[in-house]
């Protein structure tokens, strides 16, 4: 009886020490890349996330055509207002469709700040650094902030959209802040 109790106790210890920690362990999720059909140049999120048509997430003007506000939107196969390029020399994210318009942080560089599409200039609010190692766009004036998409998406006509914001790089999941720059 005493030996059986020891064996049962040892089995329980094995379960608690070795098996229970493994039950909560999971490998990090791999990014699912989109089926990119937007012509170059384009800047898009490396992870397709929940975009139902596998088009991916591009920087885009809010609404149809020209707008002074930006968000993330399903990448459009024909391009247009989702086509942006990065000029590393100036640090600007520029519209490839609308001349002399650049992404600009609105209301100061802080977590949660949104972006607009305004006339290109030498403003600090238009300067980013693309960190190729992490595929992140960081604000030049505050490298702790990254360009990211919001975790929640919504319908946008036949496509999908989500907010495009600045977020604390350290506290933001890679899937929301890793970008691909296709020249």
N, C-alpha and C. Protein backbone atom coordinates (compact mmCIF):
# COMPACT_ATOMS: atom_id res chain seq x y z
N UNK A 1 0.81 -1.18 0.00
CA UNK A 1 0.00 0.00 0.00
C UNK A 1 0.86 1.25 0.00
N UNK A 2 1.89 1.28 0.86
CA UNK A 2 2.77 2.43 0.95
C UNK A 2 3.51 2.64 -0.37
N UNK A 3 3.98 1.55 -1.02
CA UNK A 3 4.69 1.65 -2.30
C UNK A 3 3.76 2.16 -3.40
N UNK A 4 2.51 1.73 -3.40
CA UNK A 4 1.54 2.20 -4.39
C UNK A 4 1.30 3.70 -4.22
N UNK A 5 1.25 4.19 -3.01
CA UNK A 5 1.04 5.62 -2.75
C UNK A 5 2.22 6.43 -3.26
N UNK A 6 3.43 5.91 -3.09
CA UNK A 6 4.63 6.60 -3.59
C UNK A 6 4.60 6.65 -5.11
N UNK A 7 4.22 5.55 -5.77
CA UNK A 7 4.17 5.51 -7.24
C UNK A 7 3.11 6.49 -7.74
N UNK A 8 1.96 6.50 -7.11
CA UNK A 8 0.89 7.43 -7.51
C UNK A 8 1.37 8.87 -7.31
N UNK A 9 2.02 9.16 -6.20
CA UNK A 9 2.52 10.50 -5.93
C UNK A 9 3.57 10.90 -6.96
N UNK A 10 4.47 9.99 -7.29
CA UNK A 10 5.50 10.28 -8.30
C UNK A 10 4.87 10.52 -9.67
N UNK A 11 3.83 9.74 -10.01
CA UNK A 11 3.14 9.97 -11.28
C UNK A 11 2.50 11.35 -11.31
N UNK A 12 1.90 11.76 -10.21
CA UNK A 12 1.28 13.09 -10.14
C UNK A 12 2.33 14.19 -10.27
N UNK A 13 3.46 14.01 -9.60
CA UNK A 13 4.54 14.99 -9.71
C UNK A 13 5.00 15.09 -11.16
N UNK A 14 5.17 13.94 -11.83
CA UNK A 14 5.58 13.95 -13.23
C UNK A 14 4.58 14.74 -14.08
N UNK A 15 3.29 14.49 -13.86
CA UNK A 15 2.26 15.18 -14.62
C UNK A 15 2.34 16.68 -14.37
N UNK A 16 2.46 17.09 -13.10
CA UNK A 16 2.48 18.52 -12.78
C UNK A 16 3.77 19.20 -13.23
N UNK A 17 4.88 18.54 -13.09
CA UNK A 17 6.16 19.16 -13.41
C UNK A 17 6.44 19.14 -14.91
N UNK A 18 6.10 18.06 -15.59
CA UNK A 18 6.49 17.93 -16.98
C UNK A 18 5.38 18.11 -18.00
N UNK A 19 4.21 17.59 -17.75
CA UNK A 19 3.17 17.62 -18.77
C UNK A 19 2.30 18.86 -18.73
N UNK A 20 1.95 19.37 -17.58
CA UNK A 20 1.08 20.54 -17.51
C UNK A 20 1.74 21.76 -18.15
N UNK A 21 3.03 22.05 -17.90
CA UNK A 21 3.62 23.20 -18.59
C UNK A 21 3.59 23.05 -20.11
N UNK A 22 3.71 21.82 -20.62
CA UNK A 22 3.68 21.62 -22.07
C UNK A 22 2.30 21.87 -22.65
N UNK A 23 1.26 21.65 -21.86
CA UNK A 23 -0.10 21.85 -22.37
C UNK A 23 -0.35 23.30 -22.73
N UNK A 24 0.28 24.25 -22.02
CA UNK A 24 0.09 25.67 -22.31
C UNK A 24 1.08 26.20 -23.33
N UNK A 25 2.02 25.42 -23.74
CA UNK A 25 3.05 25.88 -24.66
C UNK A 25 2.56 25.76 -26.10
N UNK A 26 2.83 26.78 -26.88
CA UNK A 26 2.49 26.75 -28.30
C UNK A 26 3.57 27.50 -29.05
N UNK A 27 3.91 27.00 -30.19
CA UNK A 27 4.90 27.68 -31.03
C UNK A 27 4.31 28.99 -31.53
N UNK A 28 5.15 30.02 -31.70
CA UNK A 28 4.61 31.27 -32.22
C UNK A 28 4.03 31.07 -33.61
N UNK A 29 2.93 31.77 -33.87
CA UNK A 29 2.27 31.64 -35.17
C UNK A 29 3.12 32.24 -36.27
N UNK A 30 3.20 31.56 -37.37
CA UNK A 30 3.92 32.07 -38.53
C UNK A 30 2.99 33.00 -39.30
N UNK A 31 3.58 34.04 -39.87
CA UNK A 31 2.78 34.97 -40.67
C UNK A 31 2.30 34.27 -41.93
N UNK A 32 1.08 34.53 -42.30
CA UNK A 32 0.53 34.04 -43.55
C UNK A 32 0.60 35.18 -44.55
N UNK A 33 1.51 35.12 -45.52
CA UNK A 33 1.64 36.23 -46.45
C UNK A 33 0.42 36.33 -47.36
N UNK A 34 0.11 37.55 -47.81
CA UNK A 34 -1.01 37.72 -48.72
C UNK A 34 -0.65 37.27 -50.12
N UNK A 35 -1.66 37.12 -50.95
CA UNK A 35 -1.47 36.85 -52.37
C UNK A 35 -1.40 38.23 -53.04
N UNK A 36 -0.21 38.83 -53.06
CA UNK A 36 -0.04 40.22 -53.49
C UNK A 36 -0.25 40.36 -54.99
N UNK A 37 -1.29 41.12 -55.35
CA UNK A 37 -1.61 41.36 -56.76
C UNK A 37 -1.53 42.84 -57.13
N UNK A 38 -1.28 43.69 -56.13
CA UNK A 38 -1.17 45.13 -56.39
C UNK A 38 0.15 45.40 -57.12
N UNK A 39 0.09 46.19 -58.20
CA UNK A 39 1.34 46.50 -58.90
C UNK A 39 2.27 47.38 -58.05
N UNK A 40 3.55 47.29 -58.33
CA UNK A 40 4.55 48.12 -57.65
C UNK A 40 4.42 49.56 -58.10
N UNK A 41 4.87 50.48 -57.25
CA UNK A 41 5.36 50.28 -55.89
C UNK A 41 4.20 50.09 -54.91
N UNK A 42 4.50 49.36 -53.85
CA UNK A 42 3.47 49.11 -52.84
C UNK A 42 4.14 48.79 -51.50
N UNK A 43 3.50 49.22 -50.43
CA UNK A 43 3.93 48.89 -49.07
C UNK A 43 2.77 48.14 -48.44
N UNK A 44 3.04 46.91 -48.00
CA UNK A 44 1.94 46.10 -47.45
C UNK A 44 2.39 45.33 -46.22
N UNK A 45 1.43 44.97 -45.40
CA UNK A 45 1.69 44.22 -44.18
C UNK A 45 2.14 42.80 -44.55
N UNK A 46 3.15 42.30 -43.87
CA UNK A 46 3.70 40.97 -44.19
C UNK A 46 2.70 39.84 -43.89
N UNK A 47 1.80 40.06 -42.96
CA UNK A 47 0.81 39.05 -42.57
C UNK A 47 -0.56 39.41 -43.16
N UNK A 48 -1.20 38.46 -43.76
CA UNK A 48 -2.53 38.69 -44.33
C UNK A 48 -3.59 38.92 -43.25
N UNK A 49 -3.30 38.50 -42.03
CA UNK A 49 -4.25 38.59 -40.91
C UNK A 49 -5.59 37.97 -41.31
N UNK A 50 -6.66 38.75 -41.25
CA UNK A 50 -8.01 38.21 -41.52
C UNK A 50 -8.59 38.70 -42.84
N UNK A 51 -7.75 39.20 -43.75
CA UNK A 51 -8.27 39.71 -45.03
C UNK A 51 -8.83 38.52 -45.80
N UNK A 52 -10.15 38.50 -45.99
CA UNK A 52 -10.85 37.31 -46.47
C UNK A 52 -10.47 36.88 -47.88
N UNK A 53 -10.10 37.81 -48.74
CA UNK A 53 -9.74 37.46 -50.11
C UNK A 53 -8.24 37.26 -50.30
N UNK A 54 -7.50 37.26 -49.20
CA UNK A 54 -6.04 37.06 -49.19
C UNK A 54 -5.31 38.16 -49.97
N UNK A 55 -5.91 39.36 -50.05
CA UNK A 55 -5.31 40.48 -50.79
C UNK A 55 -4.24 41.20 -49.98
N UNK A 56 -4.23 41.01 -48.67
CA UNK A 56 -3.28 41.70 -47.82
C UNK A 56 -3.77 43.07 -47.42
N UNK A 57 -2.91 43.77 -46.66
CA UNK A 57 -3.23 45.09 -46.10
C UNK A 57 -2.23 46.12 -46.60
N UNK A 58 -2.72 47.13 -47.30
CA UNK A 58 -1.88 48.21 -47.84
C UNK A 58 -2.21 49.52 -47.14
N UNK A 59 -1.25 50.44 -47.18
CA UNK A 59 -1.53 51.81 -46.78
C UNK A 59 -2.47 52.37 -47.84
N UNK A 60 -3.49 53.11 -47.43
CA UNK A 60 -4.51 53.57 -48.37
C UNK A 60 -5.11 54.89 -47.90
N UNK A 61 -5.64 55.64 -48.84
CA UNK A 61 -6.40 56.84 -48.49
C UNK A 61 -7.80 56.41 -48.08
N UNK A 62 -8.37 57.12 -47.11
CA UNK A 62 -9.72 56.82 -46.64
C UNK A 62 -10.71 57.25 -47.72
N UNK A 63 -11.66 56.38 -48.04
CA UNK A 63 -12.64 56.69 -49.08
C UNK A 63 -12.09 56.37 -50.46
N UNK A 64 -12.78 56.81 -51.46
CA UNK A 64 -12.35 56.56 -52.84
C UNK A 64 -11.49 57.70 -53.33
N UNK A 65 -10.34 57.37 -53.91
CA UNK A 65 -9.49 58.40 -54.48
C UNK A 65 -8.73 59.19 -53.43
N UNK A 66 -8.53 60.47 -53.70
CA UNK A 66 -7.72 61.33 -52.85
C UNK A 66 -8.43 61.69 -51.56
N UNK A 67 -7.69 61.58 -50.46
CA UNK A 67 -8.17 61.96 -49.14
C UNK A 67 -6.96 62.41 -48.34
N UNK A 68 -7.18 63.24 -47.34
CA UNK A 68 -6.07 63.68 -46.49
C UNK A 68 -5.90 62.78 -45.26
N UNK A 69 -6.63 61.66 -45.21
CA UNK A 69 -6.50 60.70 -44.11
C UNK A 69 -6.08 59.34 -44.65
N UNK A 70 -5.31 58.61 -43.86
CA UNK A 70 -4.83 57.28 -44.25
C UNK A 70 -5.36 56.21 -43.30
N UNK A 71 -5.50 55.01 -43.84
CA UNK A 71 -5.82 53.83 -43.03
C UNK A 71 -5.19 52.63 -43.74
N UNK A 72 -5.40 51.45 -43.20
CA UNK A 72 -4.97 50.23 -43.88
C UNK A 72 -6.20 49.65 -44.56
N UNK A 73 -6.01 49.12 -45.75
CA UNK A 73 -7.13 48.67 -46.57
C UNK A 73 -6.70 47.43 -47.33
N UNK A 74 -7.65 46.62 -47.73
CA UNK A 74 -7.33 45.49 -48.61
C UNK A 74 -6.52 46.03 -49.78
N UNK A 75 -5.44 45.36 -50.12
CA UNK A 75 -4.65 45.78 -51.28
C UNK A 75 -5.48 45.54 -52.53
N UNK A 76 -5.56 46.55 -53.37
CA UNK A 76 -6.41 46.46 -54.56
C UNK A 76 -5.60 45.93 -55.74
N UNK A 77 -6.10 44.90 -56.42
CA UNK A 77 -5.36 44.32 -57.54
C UNK A 77 -5.00 45.32 -58.65
N UNK A 78 -5.78 46.38 -58.80
CA UNK A 78 -5.48 47.38 -59.84
C UNK A 78 -4.62 48.53 -59.32
N UNK A 79 -4.30 48.52 -58.04
CA UNK A 79 -3.46 49.58 -57.48
C UNK A 79 -4.25 50.84 -57.19
N UNK A 80 -3.72 51.97 -57.65
CA UNK A 80 -4.38 53.25 -57.41
C UNK A 80 -3.99 53.84 -56.07
N UNK A 81 -4.98 54.18 -55.25
CA UNK A 81 -4.71 54.88 -53.99
C UNK A 81 -4.05 54.01 -52.91
N UNK A 82 -3.78 52.75 -53.19
CA UNK A 82 -3.04 51.89 -52.25
C UNK A 82 -1.56 51.78 -52.61
N UNK A 83 -1.13 52.52 -53.61
CA UNK A 83 0.27 52.44 -54.04
C UNK A 83 1.09 53.54 -53.37
N UNK A 84 2.02 53.10 -52.53
CA UNK A 84 2.93 53.99 -51.82
C UNK A 84 4.35 53.48 -51.99
N UNK A 85 5.31 54.38 -51.83
CA UNK A 85 6.72 54.01 -51.93
C UNK A 85 7.45 54.67 -50.76
N UNK A 86 8.60 54.09 -50.42
CA UNK A 86 9.41 54.65 -49.35
C UNK A 86 10.70 55.20 -49.93
N UNK A 87 10.97 56.48 -49.61
CA UNK A 87 12.20 57.14 -50.02
C UNK A 87 13.12 57.18 -48.80
N UNK A 88 14.09 56.26 -48.75
CA UNK A 88 14.96 56.14 -47.59
C UNK A 88 15.78 57.40 -47.36
N UNK A 89 16.17 58.10 -48.42
CA UNK A 89 17.00 59.30 -48.28
C UNK A 89 16.27 60.40 -47.50
N UNK A 90 14.99 60.60 -47.77
CA UNK A 90 14.22 61.64 -47.07
C UNK A 90 13.45 61.07 -45.89
N UNK A 91 13.28 59.74 -45.83
CA UNK A 91 12.51 59.10 -44.77
C UNK A 91 11.01 59.20 -44.97
N UNK A 92 10.59 59.54 -46.18
CA UNK A 92 9.17 59.77 -46.43
C UNK A 92 8.49 58.56 -47.08
N UNK A 93 7.26 58.33 -46.64
CA UNK A 93 6.37 57.36 -47.28
C UNK A 93 5.50 58.21 -48.21
N UNK A 94 5.68 58.02 -49.52
CA UNK A 94 5.05 58.88 -50.51
C UNK A 94 3.99 58.14 -51.31
N UNK A 95 2.94 58.86 -51.66
CA UNK A 95 1.93 58.29 -52.56
C UNK A 95 2.56 58.15 -53.94
N UNK A 96 2.33 57.01 -54.56
CA UNK A 96 2.79 56.80 -55.94
C UNK A 96 1.73 57.27 -56.91
N UNK A 97 0.54 57.51 -56.44
CA UNK A 97 -0.60 57.89 -57.28
C UNK A 97 -0.82 59.40 -57.29
N UNK A 98 -0.65 60.03 -56.13
CA UNK A 98 -0.90 61.46 -56.00
C UNK A 98 0.42 62.19 -55.79
N UNK A 99 0.78 63.06 -56.72
CA UNK A 99 2.07 63.76 -56.69
C UNK A 99 2.26 64.61 -55.44
N UNK A 100 3.48 64.52 -54.91
CA UNK A 100 3.94 65.37 -53.81
C UNK A 100 3.09 65.26 -52.55
N UNK A 101 2.53 64.08 -52.29
CA UNK A 101 1.78 63.84 -51.05
C UNK A 101 2.43 62.71 -50.27
N UNK A 102 2.60 62.94 -48.96
CA UNK A 102 3.31 62.00 -48.10
C UNK A 102 2.51 61.67 -46.84
N UNK A 103 2.81 60.51 -46.27
CA UNK A 103 2.22 60.13 -44.99
C UNK A 103 2.78 61.05 -43.92
N UNK A 104 1.89 61.52 -43.05
CA UNK A 104 2.30 62.42 -41.97
C UNK A 104 1.58 62.04 -40.69
N UNK A 105 2.32 61.97 -39.59
CA UNK A 105 1.73 61.71 -38.28
C UNK A 105 0.91 62.93 -37.88
N UNK A 106 -0.33 62.70 -37.47
CA UNK A 106 -1.23 63.79 -37.10
C UNK A 106 -1.27 63.96 -35.58
N UNK A 107 -1.13 65.19 -35.12
CA UNK A 107 -1.27 65.48 -33.69
C UNK A 107 -0.08 65.10 -32.83
N UNK A 108 1.07 64.89 -33.41
CA UNK A 108 2.27 64.58 -32.63
C UNK A 108 2.54 63.09 -32.55
N UNK A 109 3.83 62.77 -32.43
CA UNK A 109 4.26 61.38 -32.37
C UNK A 109 3.97 60.79 -31.00
N UNK A 110 2.91 59.99 -30.93
CA UNK A 110 2.53 59.31 -29.69
C UNK A 110 1.74 58.06 -30.07
N UNK A 111 1.73 57.10 -29.19
CA UNK A 111 0.97 55.87 -29.44
C UNK A 111 -0.49 56.22 -29.67
N UNK A 112 -1.07 55.64 -30.71
CA UNK A 112 -2.46 55.89 -31.06
C UNK A 112 -2.65 56.98 -32.10
N UNK A 113 -1.58 57.73 -32.41
CA UNK A 113 -1.70 58.80 -33.40
C UNK A 113 -2.03 58.21 -34.76
N UNK A 114 -2.89 58.90 -35.50
CA UNK A 114 -3.27 58.47 -36.85
C UNK A 114 -2.40 59.18 -37.87
N UNK A 115 -2.55 58.80 -39.13
CA UNK A 115 -1.76 59.39 -40.19
C UNK A 115 -2.63 60.05 -41.24
N UNK A 116 -2.08 61.09 -41.83
CA UNK A 116 -2.75 61.79 -42.90
C UNK A 116 -1.89 61.77 -44.15
N UNK A 117 -2.43 62.25 -45.25
CA UNK A 117 -1.71 62.35 -46.52
C UNK A 117 -1.66 63.83 -46.87
N UNK A 118 -0.49 64.43 -46.66
CA UNK A 118 -0.34 65.87 -46.80
C UNK A 118 0.84 66.19 -47.73
N UNK A 119 0.95 67.45 -48.13
CA UNK A 119 2.02 67.89 -49.02
C UNK A 119 3.38 67.53 -48.43
N UNK A 120 4.22 66.89 -49.23
CA UNK A 120 5.55 66.48 -48.79
C UNK A 120 6.40 67.70 -48.43
N UNK A 121 7.19 67.57 -47.39
CA UNK A 121 8.07 68.64 -46.95
C UNK A 121 9.13 68.05 -46.03
N UNK A 122 9.82 68.89 -45.35
CA UNK A 122 10.89 68.44 -44.46
C UNK A 122 10.44 68.26 -43.03
N UNK A 123 9.15 68.16 -42.79
CA UNK A 123 8.63 68.05 -41.42
C UNK A 123 9.04 66.74 -40.76
N UNK A 124 9.32 66.81 -39.47
CA UNK A 124 9.66 65.61 -38.69
C UNK A 124 8.50 64.61 -38.69
N UNK A 125 7.27 65.11 -38.77
CA UNK A 125 6.08 64.24 -38.76
C UNK A 125 5.98 63.38 -40.02
N UNK A 126 6.82 63.65 -41.02
CA UNK A 126 6.82 62.86 -42.26
C UNK A 126 8.05 61.97 -42.39
N UNK A 127 8.84 61.88 -41.34
CA UNK A 127 10.10 61.13 -41.45
C UNK A 127 10.04 59.81 -40.68
N UNK A 128 10.34 58.75 -41.42
CA UNK A 128 10.34 57.40 -40.87
C UNK A 128 11.67 56.72 -41.20
N UNK A 129 11.96 55.69 -40.47
CA UNK A 129 13.13 54.84 -40.74
C UNK A 129 12.58 53.44 -40.93
N UNK A 130 12.99 52.78 -42.02
CA UNK A 130 12.56 51.40 -42.24
C UNK A 130 13.64 50.46 -41.71
N UNK A 131 13.32 49.72 -40.67
CA UNK A 131 14.24 48.76 -40.06
C UNK A 131 14.04 47.42 -40.77
N UNK A 132 14.95 47.09 -41.69
CA UNK A 132 14.77 45.87 -42.48
C UNK A 132 14.80 44.61 -41.63
N UNK A 133 15.58 44.60 -40.55
CA UNK A 133 15.69 43.40 -39.72
C UNK A 133 14.33 43.00 -39.13
N UNK A 134 13.52 43.96 -38.74
CA UNK A 134 12.20 43.65 -38.19
C UNK A 134 11.07 44.03 -39.11
N UNK A 135 11.42 44.56 -40.28
CA UNK A 135 10.43 45.02 -41.27
C UNK A 135 9.50 46.07 -40.68
N UNK A 136 10.05 46.93 -39.85
CA UNK A 136 9.26 47.95 -39.16
C UNK A 136 9.55 49.34 -39.70
N UNK A 137 8.50 50.15 -39.76
CA UNK A 137 8.65 51.59 -39.99
C UNK A 137 8.63 52.23 -38.61
N UNK A 138 9.73 52.88 -38.25
CA UNK A 138 9.80 53.59 -36.97
C UNK A 138 9.78 55.09 -37.23
N UNK A 139 9.20 55.82 -36.31
CA UNK A 139 9.18 57.28 -36.40
C UNK A 139 10.61 57.76 -36.15
N UNK A 140 11.14 58.58 -37.03
CA UNK A 140 12.53 59.03 -36.90
C UNK A 140 12.75 59.80 -35.60
N UNK A 141 11.79 60.63 -35.20
CA UNK A 141 11.95 61.44 -33.99
C UNK A 141 11.73 60.65 -32.69
N UNK A 142 11.16 59.45 -32.79
CA UNK A 142 10.92 58.61 -31.61
C UNK A 142 10.93 57.15 -32.04
N UNK A 143 12.10 56.53 -31.99
CA UNK A 143 12.27 55.16 -32.49
C UNK A 143 11.52 54.11 -31.67
N UNK A 144 10.86 54.52 -30.58
CA UNK A 144 10.06 53.55 -29.81
C UNK A 144 8.68 53.37 -30.42
N UNK A 145 8.34 54.19 -31.45
CA UNK A 145 7.03 54.12 -32.08
C UNK A 145 7.11 53.53 -33.48
N UNK A 146 6.19 52.61 -33.78
CA UNK A 146 6.15 51.94 -35.09
C UNK A 146 4.82 52.21 -35.78
N UNK A 147 4.87 52.13 -37.10
CA UNK A 147 3.66 52.17 -37.91
C UNK A 147 3.00 50.80 -37.80
N UNK A 148 1.73 50.78 -37.42
CA UNK A 148 1.04 49.51 -37.18
C UNK A 148 -0.41 49.61 -37.61
N UNK A 149 -1.02 48.45 -37.77
CA UNK A 149 -2.46 48.39 -38.03
C UNK A 149 -3.15 47.98 -36.73
N UNK A 150 -4.39 48.41 -36.60
CA UNK A 150 -5.19 48.04 -35.42
C UNK A 150 -5.53 46.55 -35.46
N UNK A 151 -5.73 45.94 -34.31
CA UNK A 151 -6.06 44.51 -34.27
C UNK A 151 -7.42 44.16 -34.87
N UNK A 152 -8.33 45.12 -34.93
CA UNK A 152 -9.67 44.81 -35.45
C UNK A 152 -9.87 45.37 -36.85
N UNK A 153 -10.61 44.63 -37.65
CA UNK A 153 -10.89 45.05 -39.03
C UNK A 153 -12.39 45.26 -39.19
N UNK A 154 -12.75 45.86 -40.32
CA UNK A 154 -14.17 46.12 -40.61
C UNK A 154 -14.38 46.03 -42.12
N UNK A 155 -15.61 45.87 -42.53
CA UNK A 155 -15.95 45.86 -43.95
C UNK A 155 -15.81 47.26 -44.52
N UNK A 156 -15.36 47.33 -45.77
CA UNK A 156 -15.23 48.60 -46.49
C UNK A 156 -15.72 48.34 -47.91
N UNK A 157 -17.03 48.29 -48.08
CA UNK A 157 -17.59 47.92 -49.38
C UNK A 157 -17.23 46.48 -49.67
N UNK A 158 -16.68 46.19 -50.86
CA UNK A 158 -16.29 44.82 -51.18
C UNK A 158 -14.94 44.43 -50.55
N UNK A 159 -14.30 45.37 -49.87
CA UNK A 159 -12.98 45.14 -49.27
C UNK A 159 -13.07 45.20 -47.75
N UNK A 160 -11.91 45.33 -47.11
CA UNK A 160 -11.82 45.45 -45.66
C UNK A 160 -10.89 46.60 -45.32
N UNK A 161 -11.04 47.14 -44.09
CA UNK A 161 -10.14 48.20 -43.64
C UNK A 161 -9.88 48.06 -42.15
N UNK A 162 -8.88 48.75 -41.70
CA UNK A 162 -8.55 48.84 -40.28
C UNK A 162 -7.75 50.11 -40.07
N UNK A 163 -7.69 50.58 -38.85
CA UNK A 163 -6.96 51.82 -38.57
C UNK A 163 -5.47 51.62 -38.79
N UNK A 164 -4.82 52.69 -39.23
CA UNK A 164 -3.37 52.76 -39.38
C UNK A 164 -2.89 53.76 -38.34
N UNK A 165 -2.07 53.32 -37.40
CA UNK A 165 -1.70 54.15 -36.25
C UNK A 165 -0.23 53.98 -35.90
N UNK A 166 0.24 54.84 -35.00
CA UNK A 166 1.52 54.62 -34.37
C UNK A 166 1.27 53.79 -33.12
N UNK A 167 2.19 52.87 -32.84
CA UNK A 167 2.07 52.01 -31.67
C UNK A 167 3.45 51.83 -31.04
N UNK A 168 3.47 51.52 -29.76
CA UNK A 168 4.73 51.23 -29.08
C UNK A 168 5.30 49.96 -29.70
N UNK A 169 6.49 50.06 -30.27
CA UNK A 169 7.10 48.91 -30.96
C UNK A 169 7.23 47.71 -30.03
N UNK A 170 7.69 47.96 -28.81
CA UNK A 170 7.95 46.86 -27.87
C UNK A 170 6.69 46.11 -27.48
N UNK A 171 5.54 46.77 -27.46
CA UNK A 171 4.32 46.12 -27.00
C UNK A 171 3.37 45.69 -28.11
N UNK A 172 3.82 45.78 -29.36
CA UNK A 172 2.95 45.46 -30.49
C UNK A 172 3.38 44.15 -31.14
N UNK A 173 2.42 43.26 -31.36
CA UNK A 173 2.73 41.99 -32.01
C UNK A 173 3.27 42.23 -33.41
N UNK A 174 4.24 41.42 -33.80
CA UNK A 174 4.89 41.55 -35.11
C UNK A 174 3.88 41.54 -36.24
N UNK A 175 2.86 40.74 -36.15
CA UNK A 175 1.90 40.62 -37.25
C UNK A 175 1.19 41.92 -37.56
N UNK A 176 1.17 42.87 -36.61
CA UNK A 176 0.51 44.15 -36.83
C UNK A 176 1.47 45.26 -37.26
N UNK A 177 2.78 44.99 -37.27
CA UNK A 177 3.75 46.06 -37.55
C UNK A 177 4.84 45.69 -38.54
N UNK A 178 4.84 44.49 -39.10
CA UNK A 178 5.88 44.08 -40.05
C UNK A 178 5.40 44.37 -41.47
N UNK A 179 6.16 45.21 -42.19
CA UNK A 179 5.78 45.69 -43.52
C UNK A 179 6.75 45.21 -44.58
N UNK A 180 6.23 45.02 -45.78
CA UNK A 180 7.04 44.68 -46.95
C UNK A 180 7.03 45.91 -47.87
N UNK A 181 8.21 46.31 -48.30
CA UNK A 181 8.33 47.43 -49.23
C UNK A 181 8.70 46.85 -50.58
N UNK A 182 7.82 46.98 -51.54
CA UNK A 182 8.04 46.45 -52.89
C UNK A 182 8.20 47.66 -53.83
N UNK A 183 9.46 47.95 -54.22
CA UNK A 183 9.70 49.13 -55.07
C UNK A 183 9.09 49.03 -56.46
